[in-house]
Structure formats: C-alpha cells, structure tokens
Protein backbone atom coordinates (compact mmCIF):
# COMPACT_ATOMS: atom_id res chain seq x y z
CA MET A 1 75.89 12.75 -1.33
CA ASP A 2 76.43 13.08 2.41
CA ALA A 3 76.11 16.44 4.13
CA PRO A 4 79.38 18.16 5.10
CA HIS A 5 80.69 17.32 8.55
CA PRO A 6 79.53 20.05 10.98
CA PHE A 7 83.10 20.67 12.20
CA ALA A 8 83.77 22.53 8.93
CA ALA A 9 81.57 25.50 9.95
CA PHE A 10 83.21 25.72 13.37
CA LEU A 11 86.72 25.54 11.91
CA LEU A 12 85.98 28.18 9.29
CA GLN A 13 84.53 30.48 11.94
CA ARG A 14 87.58 30.14 14.20
CA MET A 15 90.06 30.57 11.34
CA ASP A 16 88.24 33.72 10.25
CA ALA A 17 88.23 35.10 13.80
CA LEU A 18 91.97 34.49 14.11
CA GLY A 19 92.86 35.58 10.59
CA ILE A 20 94.52 32.26 9.77
CA LYS A 21 94.37 29.80 6.88
CA PRO A 22 94.43 25.98 6.74
CA PRO A 23 98.25 25.84 6.41
CA ASP A 24 98.50 27.83 9.65
CA VAL A 25 96.18 25.39 11.44
CA ALA A 26 98.18 22.45 10.09
CA ALA A 27 101.43 23.99 11.33
CA ARG A 28 99.97 24.71 14.77
CA LEU A 29 98.77 21.10 15.01
CA GLY A 30 101.83 19.49 13.44
CA MET A 31 99.72 17.68 10.87
CA SER A 32 99.33 17.66 7.11
CA GLU A 33 97.59 20.48 5.30
CA ALA A 34 95.59 17.82 3.44
CA ASN A 35 93.88 16.76 6.68
CA VAL A 36 92.99 20.33 7.57
CA TYR A 37 91.66 20.99 4.06
CA ALA A 38 89.52 17.85 4.40
CA TRP A 39 88.08 19.27 7.63
CA VAL A 40 87.41 22.60 5.90
CA ALA A 41 85.68 20.79 3.03
CA GLY A 42 83.55 18.87 5.50
CA ALA A 43 84.82 15.49 4.33
CA TYR A 44 85.19 14.40 7.95
CA GLY A 45 85.87 15.85 11.38
CA PRO A 46 88.62 15.31 13.90
CA SER A 47 88.76 12.48 16.40
CA SER A 48 87.90 13.41 19.96
CA ALA A 49 91.52 12.64 20.91
CA ARG A 50 92.55 15.80 19.00
CA PHE A 51 90.06 18.18 20.64
CA ALA A 52 92.52 19.56 23.21
CA SER A 53 95.26 20.25 20.66
CA ILE A 54 92.77 21.79 18.24
CA ALA A 55 91.47 23.99 21.05
CA ALA A 56 94.99 25.22 21.80
CA ALA A 57 95.60 25.91 18.10
CA LEU A 58 92.31 27.78 17.66
CA GLY A 59 92.21 29.73 20.91
CA CYS A 60 89.19 28.07 22.43
CA THR A 61 88.40 25.21 24.79
CA ALA A 62 88.11 21.50 24.06
CA ALA A 63 84.42 21.87 24.91
CA ASP A 64 84.08 24.49 22.15
CA VAL A 65 85.72 22.06 19.71
CA ALA A 66 83.45 19.22 20.83
CA LEU A 67 80.38 21.39 20.37
CA GLY A 68 81.65 22.53 16.97
CA ALA A 69 82.21 18.92 15.92
CA ALA A 70 78.62 18.22 16.98
CA GLY A 71 77.34 21.10 14.85
CA ILE A 72 76.76 23.55 17.70
CA VAL A 73 78.86 26.60 16.83
CA SER A 74 79.29 29.17 19.56
CA ALA A 75 79.32 32.80 18.49
CA GLU A 76 81.67 33.62 21.35
CA PRO A 77 84.35 31.03 22.13
CA THR A 78 85.52 30.89 25.69
CA ALA A 79 89.12 31.94 24.94
CA ASP A 80 91.03 33.69 22.15
CA LEU A 81 94.57 33.63 20.83
CA PRO A 82 96.08 36.67 19.18
CA PRO A 83 95.89 36.68 15.38
CA ALA A 84 98.71 34.97 13.49
CA ALA A 85 101.71 37.19 12.84
C-alpha cells in the first residue's frame, strides 16, 4: 500500500489550528466534502492550481501549502485567519 500523501498532515495541522473540520474547508473552497476527506485520508493531494485558494481558506500562504504538499510542515504558518464561527 502506498504511503499517505504528505498534504494530509499539513491539512490536519491547519484545520486543528483554526478549529475547523473538513466540511468547513470544503465550503471555504467551494468543493465537495469528498475531495477534502480524500486529502485528509492522504489518498491524494491538491493540484498546484489550487494552492492559492487553499491558502486563503486555511489562513496561510500558497508557499505554506506548497511546502505542506511536499511534506514540509511549518510549525508557524505565515498568516492566520480567525477560527470559524
């Protein structure tokens, strides 16, 4: 079996920091919850074309997302959004 995609760890870290769940991420990105759950499960990661929108949804930069997708998870992202209401 293949190893989980490294984006999963980054996504879980950001969701935890923001106090949000996969449905919240899906809503912020205007995409299906199934895709976000697949990211969380490590089935696959996002395309680089989505990095900017993911960054906006997760309160970080596109560079943070790119590094997360590469398996380099920053302990301190460069920007933060307030927690979900």
